[in-house]
PDB file of all heavy atoms in Angstrom:
ATOM      1  N   VAL A   1      89.965 104.030  44.399  1.00  0.00           N
ATOM      2  CA  VAL A   1      89.989 104.307  42.949  1.00  0.00           C
ATOM      3  C   VAL A   1      91.426 104.656  42.518  1.00  0.00           C
ATOM      4  O   VAL A   1      91.928 104.228  41.539  1.00  0.00           O
ATOM      5  CB  VAL A   1      89.034 105.412  42.569  1.00  0.00           C
ATOM      6  CG1 VAL A   1      89.293 105.872  41.115  1.00  0.00           C
ATOM      7  CG2 VAL A   1      87.583 104.958  42.707  1.00  0.00           C
ATOM      8  N   THR A   2      92.062 105.473  43.386  1.00  0.00           N
ATOM      9  CA  THR A   2      93.507 105.848  43.134  1.00  0.00           C
ATOM     10  C   THR A   2      94.379 104.601  43.051  1.00  0.00           C
ATOM     11  O   THR A   2      95.169 104.461  42.087  1.00  0.00           O
ATOM     12  CB  THR A   2      94.056 106.728  44.252  1.00  0.00           C
ATOM     13  OG1 THR A   2      93.316 107.963  44.266  1.00  0.00           O
ATOM     14  CG2 THR A   2      95.525 107.022  44.075  1.00  0.00           C
ATOM     15  N   LYS A   3      94.235 103.680  43.949  1.00  0.00           N
ATOM     16  CA  LYS A   3      95.017 102.452  43.937  1.00  0.00           C
ATOM     17  C   LYS A   3      94.698 101.571  42.719  1.00  0.00           C
ATOM     18  O   LYS A   3      95.571 100.961  42.135  1.00  0.00           O
ATOM     19  CB  LYS A   3      94.764 101.669  45.234  1.00  0.00           C
ATOM     20  CG  LYS A   3      95.328 102.394  46.457  1.00  0.00           C
ATOM     21  CD  LYS A   3      95.140 101.575  47.703  1.00  0.00           C
ATOM     22  CE  LYS A   3      95.706 102.193  48.946  1.00  0.00           C
ATOM     23  NZ  LYS A   3      95.579 101.461  50.185  1.00  0.00           N
ATOM     24  N   ALA A   4      93.430 101.502  42.325  1.00  0.00           N
ATOM     25  CA  ALA A   4      93.036 100.689  41.230  1.00  0.00           C
ATOM     26  C   ALA A   4      93.602 101.221  39.901  1.00  0.00           C
ATOM     27  O   ALA A   4      94.030 100.506  39.039  1.00  0.00           O
ATOM     28  CB  ALA A   4      91.473 100.591  41.122  1.00  0.00           C
ATOM     29  N   LEU A   5      93.589 102.563  39.807  1.00  0.00           N
ATOM     30  CA  LEU A   5      94.090 103.206  38.602  1.00  0.00           C
ATOM     31  C   LEU A   5      95.602 102.940  38.371  1.00  0.00           C
ATOM     32  O   LEU A   5      96.057 102.560  37.286  1.00  0.00           O
ATOM     33  CB  LEU A   5      93.857 104.718  38.630  1.00  0.00           C
ATOM     34  CG  LEU A   5      92.475 105.195  38.381  1.00  0.00           C
ATOM     35  CD1 LEU A   5      92.312 106.657  38.761  1.00  0.00           C
ATOM     36  CD2 LEU A   5      92.035 104.988  36.904  1.00  0.00           C
ATOM     37  N   THR A   6      96.363 103.134  39.491  1.00  0.00           N
ATOM     38  CA  THR A   6      97.832 102.874  39.337  1.00  0.00           C
ATOM     39  C   THR A   6      98.107 101.405  39.117  1.00  0.00           C
ATOM     40  O   THR A   6      99.101 101.114  38.407  1.00  0.00           O
ATOM     41  CB  THR A   6      98.513 103.440  40.619  1.00  0.00           C
ATOM     42  OG1 THR A   6      97.955 102.847  41.748  1.00  0.00           O
ATOM     43  CG2 THR A   6      98.427 104.954  40.718  1.00  0.00           C
ATOM     44  N   LYS A   7      97.363 100.532  39.767  1.00  0.00           N
ATOM     45  CA  LYS A   7      97.591  99.112  39.560  1.00  0.00           C
ATOM     46  C   LYS A   7      97.326  98.695  38.126  1.00  0.00           C
ATOM     47  O   LYS A   7      98.096  97.870  37.494  1.00  0.00           O
ATOM     48  CB  LYS A   7      96.734  98.319  40.544  1.00  0.00           C
ATOM     49  CG  LYS A   7      96.999  96.836  40.476  1.00  0.00           C
ATOM     50  CD  LYS A   7      96.150  96.093  41.476  1.00  0.00           C
ATOM     51  CE  LYS A   7      96.342  94.582  41.427  1.00  0.00           C
ATOM     52  NZ  LYS A   7      95.468  93.900  42.454  1.00  0.00           N
ATOM     53  N   LYS A   8      96.217  99.186  37.530  1.00  0.00           N
ATOM     54  CA  LYS A   8      95.857  98.751  36.188  1.00  0.00           C
ATOM     55  C   LYS A   8      96.584  99.422  35.122  1.00  0.00           C
ATOM     56  O   LYS A   8      96.865  98.799  34.066  1.00  0.00           O
ATOM     57  CB  LYS A   8      94.335  98.936  36.048  1.00  0.00           C
ATOM     58  CG  LYS A   8      93.483  97.983  36.923  1.00  0.00           C
ATOM     59  CD  LYS A   8      92.004  98.199  36.598  1.00  0.00           C
ATOM     60  CE  LYS A   8      91.138  97.296  37.400  1.00  0.00           C
ATOM     61  NZ  LYS A   8      89.702  97.454  37.143  1.00  0.00           N
ATOM     62  N   PHE A   9      96.857 100.694  35.302  1.00  0.00           N
ATOM     63  CA  PHE A   9      97.322 101.488  34.147  1.00  0.00           C
ATOM     64  C   PHE A   9      98.672 102.238  34.388  1.00  0.00           C
ATOM     65  O   PHE A   9      99.174 102.843  33.505  1.00  0.00           O
ATOM     66  CB  PHE A   9      96.300 102.626  33.793  1.00  0.00           C
ATOM     67  CG  PHE A   9      94.948 102.022  33.532  1.00  0.00           C
ATOM     68  CD1 PHE A   9      93.929 102.258  34.426  1.00  0.00           C
ATOM     69  CD2 PHE A   9      94.658 101.208  32.466  1.00  0.00           C
ATOM     70  CE1 PHE A   9      92.618 101.747  34.260  1.00  0.00           C
ATOM     71  CE2 PHE A   9      93.437 100.664  32.271  1.00  0.00           C
ATOM     72  CZ  PHE A   9      92.391 100.971  33.146  1.00  0.00           C
ATOM     73  N   GLY A  10      99.226 102.103  35.590  1.00  0.00           N
ATOM     74  CA  GLY A  10     100.503 102.769  35.894  1.00  0.00           C
ATOM     75  C   GLY A  10     100.314 104.265  36.072  1.00  0.00           C
ATOM     76  O   GLY A  10      99.201 104.788  36.194  1.00  0.00           O
ATOM     77  N   GLY A  11     101.448 104.957  35.982  1.00  0.00           N
ATOM     78  CA  GLY A  11     101.399 106.404  36.114  1.00  0.00           C
ATOM     79  C   GLY A  11     101.254 106.866  37.571  1.00  0.00           C
ATOM     80  O   GLY A  11     101.425 106.098  38.538  1.00  0.00           O
ATOM     81  N   VAL A  12     100.854 108.100  37.716  1.00  0.00           N
ATOM     82  CA  VAL A  12     100.689 108.713  39.043  1.00  0.00           C
ATOM     83  C   VAL A  12      99.248 109.355  39.126  1.00  0.00           C
ATOM     84  O   VAL A  12      98.824 109.975  38.136  1.00  0.00           O
ATOM     85  CB  VAL A  12     101.770 109.829  39.321  1.00  0.00           C
ATOM     86  CG1 VAL A  12     101.480 110.492  40.640  1.00  0.00           C
ATOM     87  CG2 VAL A  12     103.140 109.206  39.281  1.00  0.00           C
ATOM     88  N   VAL A  13      98.621 109.148  40.233  1.00  0.00           N
ATOM     89  CA  VAL A  13      97.244 109.663  40.431  1.00  0.00           C
ATOM     90  C   VAL A  13      97.298 110.688  41.602  1.00  0.00           C
ATOM     91  O   VAL A  13      97.756 110.264  42.671  1.00  0.00           O
ATOM     92  CB  VAL A  13      96.211 108.531  40.702  1.00  0.00           C
ATOM     93  CG1 VAL A  13      94.841 109.185  40.944  1.00  0.00           C
ATOM     94  CG2 VAL A  13      96.195 107.636  39.533  1.00  0.00           C
ATOM     95  N   GLU A  14      96.772 111.859  41.448  1.00  0.00           N
ATOM     96  CA  GLU A  14      96.770 112.833  42.529  1.00  0.00           C
ATOM     97  C   GLU A  14      95.335 113.376  42.751  1.00  0.00           C
ATOM     98  O   GLU A  14      94.614 113.621  41.766  1.00  0.00           O
ATOM     99  CB  GLU A  14      97.655 114.012  42.094  1.00  0.00           C
ATOM    100  CG  GLU A  14      99.158 113.617  41.930  1.00  0.00           C
ATOM    101  CD  GLU A  14      99.997 114.792  41.452  1.00  0.00           C
ATOM    102  OE1 GLU A  14      99.420 115.882  41.101  1.00  0.00           O
ATOM    103  OE2 GLU A  14     101.225 114.632  41.452  1.00  0.00           O
ATOM    104  N   LEU A  15      94.961 113.525  43.955  1.00  0.00           N
ATOM    105  CA  LEU A  15      93.747 114.122  44.310  1.00  0.00           C
ATOM    106  C   LEU A  15      93.908 115.653  44.028  1.00  0.00           C
ATOM    107  O   LEU A  15      94.842 116.258  44.603  1.00  0.00           O
ATOM    108  CB  LEU A  15      93.381 113.912  45.719  1.00  0.00           C
ATOM    109  CG  LEU A  15      92.140 114.594  46.321  1.00  0.00           C
ATOM    110  CD1 LEU A  15      90.879 114.081  45.599  1.00  0.00           C
ATOM    111  CD2 LEU A  15      92.042 114.393  47.814  1.00  0.00           C
ATOM    112  N   ARG A  16      93.035 116.234  43.270  1.00  0.00           N
ATOM    113  CA  ARG A  16      93.211 117.688  42.949  1.00  0.00           C
ATOM    114  C   ARG A  16      92.809 118.531  44.164  1.00  0.00           C
ATOM    115  O   ARG A  16      91.684 118.403  44.660  1.00  0.00           O
ATOM    116  CB  ARG A  16      92.315 118.075  41.718  1.00  0.00           C
ATOM    117  CG  ARG A  16      92.638 119.490  41.239  1.00  0.00           C
ATOM    118  CD  ARG A  16      91.739 119.857  40.086  1.00  0.00           C
ATOM    119  NE  ARG A  16      91.941 119.034  38.919  1.00  0.00           N
ATOM    120  CZ  ARG A  16      91.278 119.227  37.742  1.00  0.00           C
ATOM    121  NH1 ARG A  16      90.381 120.213  37.651  1.00  0.00           N
ATOM    122  NH2 ARG A  16      91.538 118.376  36.762  1.00  0.00           N
ATOM    123  N   MET A  17      93.700 119.376  44.595  1.00  0.00           N
ATOM    124  CA  MET A  17      93.513 120.225  45.759  1.00  0.00           C
ATOM    125  C   MET A  17      93.092 121.629  45.320  1.00  0.00           C
ATOM    126  O   MET A  17      93.433 122.121  44.263  1.00  0.00           O
ATOM    127  CB  MET A  17      94.766 120.258  46.600  1.00  0.00           C
ATOM    128  CG  MET A  17      95.287 118.884  47.047  1.00  0.00           C
ATOM    129  SD  MET A  17      94.017 117.990  47.956  1.00  0.00           S
ATOM    130  CE  MET A  17      93.940 118.945  49.505  1.00  0.00           C
ATOM    131  N   ALA A  18      92.225 122.226  46.103  1.00  0.00           N
ATOM    132  CA  ALA A  18      91.741 123.597  45.795  1.00  0.00           C
ATOM    133  C   ALA A  18      92.807 124.597  46.052  1.00  0.00           C
ATOM    134  O   ALA A  18      93.741 124.368  46.843  1.00  0.00           O
ATOM    135  CB  ALA A  18      90.474 123.856  46.643  1.00  0.00           C
ATOM    136  N   VAL A  19      92.659 125.751  45.365  1.00  0.00           N
ATOM    137  CA  VAL A  19      93.645 126.832  45.563  1.00  0.00           C
ATOM    138  C   VAL A  19      93.274 127.795  46.604  1.00  0.00           C
ATOM    139  O   VAL A  19      94.006 128.217  47.458  1.00  0.00           O
ATOM    140  CB  VAL A  19      93.860 127.546  44.206  1.00  0.00           C
ATOM    141  CG1 VAL A  19      94.760 128.799  44.400  1.00  0.00           C
ATOM    142  CG2 VAL A  19      94.437 126.590  43.152  1.00  0.00           C
ATOM    143  N   ASN A  20      91.999 128.257  46.638  1.00  0.00           N
ATOM    144  CA  ASN A  20      91.542 129.291  47.517  1.00  0.00           C
ATOM    145  C   ASN A  20      90.627 128.738  48.657  1.00  0.00           C
ATOM    146  O   ASN A  20      89.912 129.501  49.314  1.00  0.00           O
ATOM    147  CB  ASN A  20      90.777 130.370  46.779  1.00  0.00           C
ATOM    148  CG  ASN A  20      91.716 131.124  45.815  1.00  0.00           C
ATOM    149  OD1 ASN A  20      92.804 131.448  46.209  1.00  0.00           O
ATOM    150  ND2 ASN A  20      91.238 131.402  44.624  1.00  0.00           N
ATOM    151  N   LYS A  21      90.715 127.432  48.895  1.00  0.00           N
ATOM    152  CA  LYS A  21      90.018 126.859  50.054  1.00  0.00           C
ATOM    153  C   LYS A  21      90.917 125.674  50.555  1.00  0.00           C
ATOM    154  O   LYS A  21      91.725 125.124  49.787  1.00  0.00           O
ATOM    155  CB  LYS A  21      88.636 126.329  49.711  1.00  0.00           C
ATOM    156  CG  LYS A  21      88.607 125.183  48.741  1.00  0.00           C
ATOM    157  CD  LYS A  21      87.271 124.581  48.544  1.00  0.00           C
ATOM    158  CE  LYS A  21      86.794 123.655  49.618  1.00  0.00           C
ATOM    159  NZ  LYS A  21      87.525 122.309  49.671  1.00  0.00           N
ATOM    160  N   ALA A  22      90.673 125.380  51.749  1.00  0.00           N
ATOM    161  CA  ALA A  22      91.422 124.200  52.311  1.00  0.00           C
ATOM    162  C   ALA A  22      90.759 122.928  51.833  1.00  0.00           C
ATOM    163  O   ALA A  22      89.535 122.838  51.756  1.00  0.00           O
ATOM    164  CB  ALA A  22      91.344 124.275  53.872  1.00  0.00           C
ATOM    165  N   GLY A  23      91.562 121.950  51.466  1.00  0.00           N
ATOM    166  CA  GLY A  23      91.048 120.687  51.008  1.00  0.00           C
ATOM    167  C   GLY A  23      90.920 120.580  49.544  1.00  0.00           C
ATOM    168  O   GLY A  23      91.391 121.349  48.782  1.00  0.00           O
ATOM    169  N   PRO A  24      90.290 119.422  49.052  1.00  0.00           N
ATOM    170  CA  PRO A  24      90.234 119.133  47.638  1.00  0.00           C
ATOM    171  C   PRO A  24      89.231 120.009  46.873  1.00  0.00           C
ATOM    172  O   PRO A  24      88.298 120.622  47.456  1.00  0.00           O
ATOM    173  CB  PRO A  24      89.784 117.693  47.633  1.00  0.00           C
ATOM    174  CG  PRO A  24      88.956 117.523  48.883  1.00  0.00           C
ATOM    175  CD  PRO A  24      89.671 118.390  49.882  1.00  0.00           C
ATOM    176  N   VAL A  25      89.378 119.964  45.557  1.00  0.00           N
ATOM    177  CA  VAL A  25      88.383 120.636  44.656  1.00  0.00           C
ATOM    178  C   VAL A  25      87.106 119.825  44.790  1.00  0.00           C
ATOM    179  O   VAL A  25      87.139 118.543  44.719  1.00  0.00           O
ATOM    180  CB  VAL A  25      88.902 120.579  43.209  1.00  0.00           C
ATOM    181  CG1 VAL A  25      87.749 120.916  42.195  1.00  0.00           C
ATOM    182  CG2 VAL A  25      90.026 121.595  43.061  1.00  0.00           C
ATOM    183  N   VAL A  26      86.019 120.465  44.797  1.00  0.00           N
ATOM    184  CA  VAL A  26      84.672 119.816  44.792  1.00  0.00           C
ATOM    185  C   VAL A  26      83.930 120.223  43.551  1.00  0.00           C
ATOM    186  O   VAL A  26      83.754 121.403  43.299  1.00  0.00           O
ATOM    187  CB  VAL A  26      83.863 120.149  46.111  1.00  0.00           C
ATOM    188  CG1 VAL A  26      82.463 119.508  46.031  1.00  0.00           C
ATOM    189  CG2 VAL A  26      84.658 119.754  47.308  1.00  0.00           C
ATOM    190  N   THR A  27      83.444 119.293  42.765  1.00  0.00           N
ATOM    191  CA  THR A  27      82.762 119.626  41.512  1.00  0.00           C
ATOM    192  C   THR A  27      81.377 120.135  41.741  1.00  0.00           C
ATOM    193  O   THR A  27      80.810 120.153  42.915  1.00  0.00           O
ATOM    194  CB  THR A  27      82.649 118.408  40.622  1.00  0.00           C
ATOM    195  OG1 THR A  27      81.701 117.460  41.200  1.00  0.00           O
ATOM    196  CG2 THR A  27      84.041 117.675  40.463  1.00  0.00           C
ATOM    197  N   ASP A  28      80.751 120.607  40.640  1.00  0.00           N
ATOM    198  CA  ASP A  28      79.358 121.080  40.755  1.00  0.00           C
ATOM    199  C   ASP A  28      78.411 119.966  41.194  1.00  0.00           C
ATOM    200  O   ASP A  28      77.328 120.227  41.647  1.00  0.00           O
ATOM    201  CB  ASP A  28      78.886 121.607  39.368  1.00  0.00           C
ATOM    202  CG  ASP A  28      79.520 122.960  39.031  1.00  0.00           C
ATOM    203  OD1 ASP A  28      80.257 123.509  39.911  1.00  0.00           O
ATOM    204  OD2 ASP A  28      79.319 123.452  37.888  1.00  0.00           O
ATOM    205  N   ASN A  29      78.897 118.694  41.090  1.00  0.00           N
ATOM    206  CA  ASN A  29      78.105 117.607  41.444  1.00  0.00           C
ATOM    207  C   ASN A  29      78.403 117.083  42.857  1.00  0.00           C
ATOM    208  O   ASN A  29      77.871 116.059  43.361  1.00  0.00           O
ATOM    209  CB  ASN A  29      78.306 116.410  40.510  1.00  0.00           C
ATOM    210  CG  ASN A  29      78.103 116.834  39.029  1.00  0.00           C
ATOM    211  OD1 ASN A  29      77.086 117.474  38.672  1.00  0.00           O
ATOM    212  ND2 ASN A  29      79.109 116.557  38.212  1.00  0.00           N
ATOM    213  N   GLY A  30      79.309 117.793  43.591  1.00  0.00           N
ATOM    214  CA  GLY A  30      79.676 117.430  44.959  1.00  0.00           C
ATOM    215  C   GLY A  30      80.714 116.311  45.044  1.00  0.00           C
ATOM    216  O   GLY A  30      80.821 115.668  46.073  1.00  0.00           O
ATOM    217  N   ASN A  31      81.448 116.069  43.964  1.00  0.00           N
ATOM    218  CA  ASN A  31      82.437 114.991  43.892  1.00  0.00           C
ATOM    219  C   ASN A  31      83.853 115.581  43.921  1.00  0.00           C
ATOM    220  O   ASN A  31      84.087 116.763  43.856  1.00  0.00           O
ATOM    221  CB  ASN A  31      82.167 114.125  42.681  1.00  0.00           C
ATOM    222  CG  ASN A  31      80.825 113.455  42.683  1.00  0.00           C
ATOM    223  OD1 ASN A  31      80.398 112.950  43.772  1.00  0.00           O
ATOM    224  ND2 ASN A  31      80.161 113.435  41.560  1.00  0.00           N
ATOM    225  N   PHE A  32      84.821 114.594  43.956  1.00  0.00           N
ATOM    226  CA  PHE A  32      86.263 114.908  43.890  1.00  0.00           C
ATOM    227  C   PHE A  32      86.800 114.679  42.494  1.00  0.00           C
ATOM    228  O   PHE A  32      86.123 114.010  41.690  1.00  0.00           O
ATOM    229  CB  PHE A  32      87.064 114.073  44.883  1.00  0.00           C
ATOM    230  CG  PHE A  32      86.829 114.391  46.363  1.00  0.00           C
ATOM    231  CD1 PHE A  32      87.370 113.545  47.345  1.00  0.00           C
ATOM    232  CD2 PHE A  32      86.103 115.499  46.744  1.00  0.00           C
ATOM    233  CE1 PHE A  32      87.158 113.851  48.686  1.00  0.00           C
ATOM    234  CE2 PHE A  32      85.882 115.781  48.100  1.00  0.00           C
ATOM    235  CZ  PHE A  32      86.473 114.958  49.043  1.00  0.00           C
ATOM    236  N   ILE A  33      88.003 115.262  42.191  1.00  0.00           N
ATOM    237  CA  ILE A  33      88.671 115.042  40.995  1.00  0.00           C
ATOM    238  C   ILE A  33      90.010 114.426  41.185  1.00  0.00           C
ATOM    239  O   ILE A  33      90.814 114.957  42.048  1.00  0.00           O
ATOM    240  CB  ILE A  33      88.862 116.381  40.178  1.00  0.00           C
ATOM    241  CG1 ILE A  33      87.545 117.085  39.834  1.00  0.00           C
ATOM    242  CG2 ILE A  33      89.740 116.148  38.947  1.00  0.00           C
ATOM    243  CD1 ILE A  33      86.823 116.432  38.638  1.00  0.00           C
ATOM    244  N   LEU A  34      90.265 113.337  40.510  1.00  0.00           N
ATOM    245  CA  LEU A  34      91.586 112.706  40.446  1.00  0.00           C
ATOM    246  C   LEU A  34      92.258 113.045  39.144  1.00  0.00           C
ATOM    247  O   LEU A  34      91.549 113.013  38.091  1.00  0.00           O
ATOM    248  CB  LEU A  34      91.529 111.164  40.643  1.00  0.00           C
ATOM    249  CG  LEU A  34      90.909 110.640  41.940  1.00  0.00           C
ATOM    250  CD1 LEU A  34      90.874 109.105  41.877  1.00  0.00           C
ATOM    251  CD2 LEU A  34      91.771 111.031  43.175  1.00  0.00           C
ATOM    252  N   ASP A  35      93.521 113.430  39.179  1.00  0.00           N
ATOM    253  CA  ASP A  35      94.263 113.650  37.926  1.00  0.00           C
ATOM    254  C   ASP A  35      95.242 112.505  37.744  1.00  0.00           C
ATOM    255  O   ASP A  35      96.198 112.298  38.486  1.00  0.00           O
ATOM    256  CB  ASP A  35      94.989 114.956  38.015  1.00  0.00           C
ATOM    257  CG  ASP A  35      94.024 116.144  37.945  1.00  0.00           C
ATOM    258  OD1 ASP A  35      93.262 116.245  37.028  1.00  0.00           O
ATOM    259  OD2 ASP A  35      94.055 117.021  38.884  1.00  0.00           O
ATOM    260  N   TRP A  36      94.980 111.700  36.695  1.00  0.00           N
ATOM    261  CA  TRP A  36      95.786 110.517  36.349  1.00  0.00           C
ATOM    262  C   TRP A  36      96.865 110.945  35.357  1.00  0.00           C
ATOM    263  O   TRP A  36      96.564 111.190  34.188  1.00  0.00           O
ATOM    264  CB  TRP A  36      94.928 109.419  35.856  1.00  0.00           C
ATOM    265  CG  TRP A  36      95.756 108.288  35.276  1.00  0.00           C
ATOM    266  CD1 TRP A  36      96.904 107.715  35.842  1.00  0.00           C
ATOM    267  CD2 TRP A  36      95.579 107.632  34.037  1.00  0.00           C
ATOM    268  NE1 TRP A  36      97.337 106.691  34.999  1.00  0.00           N
ATOM    269  CE2 TRP A  36      96.549 106.623  33.905  1.00  0.00           C
ATOM    270  CE3 TRP A  36      94.612 107.760  32.989  1.00  0.00           C
ATOM    271  CZ2 TRP A  36      96.698 105.799  32.760  1.00  0.00           C
ATOM    272  CZ3 TRP A  36      94.689 106.910  31.933  1.00  0.00           C
ATOM    273  CH2 TRP A  36      95.718 105.954  31.797  1.00  0.00           C
ATOM    274  N   LYS A  37      98.118 111.040  35.784  1.00  0.00           N
ATOM    275  CA  LYS A  37      99.222 111.405  34.933  1.00  0.00           C
ATOM    276  C   LYS A  37      99.804 110.119  34.375  1.00  0.00           C
ATOM    277  O   LYS A  37     100.671 109.421  35.012  1.00  0.00           O
ATOM    278  CB  LYS A  37     100.244 112.190  35.683  1.00  0.00           C
ATOM    279  CG  LYS A  37      99.645 113.487  36.271  1.00  0.00           C
ATOM    280  CD  LYS A  37     100.704 114.327  37.051  1.00  0.00           C
ATOM    281  CE  LYS A  37     100.083 115.574  37.529  1.00  0.00           C
ATOM    282  NZ  LYS A  37     101.020 116.447  38.351  1.00  0.00           N
ATOM    283  N   PHE A  38      99.386 109.750  33.217  1.00  0.00           N
ATOM    284  CA  PHE A  38      99.758 108.500  32.572  1.00  0.00           C
ATOM    285  C   PHE A  38     101.220 108.626  32.034  1.00  0.00           C
ATOM    286  O   PHE A  38     101.703 109.689  31.793  1.00  0.00           O
ATOM    287  CB  PHE A  38      98.807 108.110  31.466  1.00  0.00           C
ATOM    288  CG  PHE A  38      98.619 109.231  30.455  1.00  0.00           C
ATOM    289  CD1 PHE A  38      99.385 109.311  29.276  1.00  0.00           C
ATOM    290  CD2 PHE A  38      97.631 110.133  30.620  1.00  0.00           C
ATOM    291  CE1 PHE A  38      99.168 110.360  28.345  1.00  0.00           C
ATOM    292  CE2 PHE A  38      97.327 111.179  29.682  1.00  0.00           C
ATOM    293  CZ  PHE A  38      98.165 111.280  28.557  1.00  0.00           C
TER     294      PHE A  38
END
């Protein structure tokens, strides 16, 4: 998804990392968050 976003729309895509745990932020639905900086 990260590659598809940058290819189609440009900008920078970052996987949101957690602050008080190791690894990425996990949503209430058990998913990850990408931040697309257009």
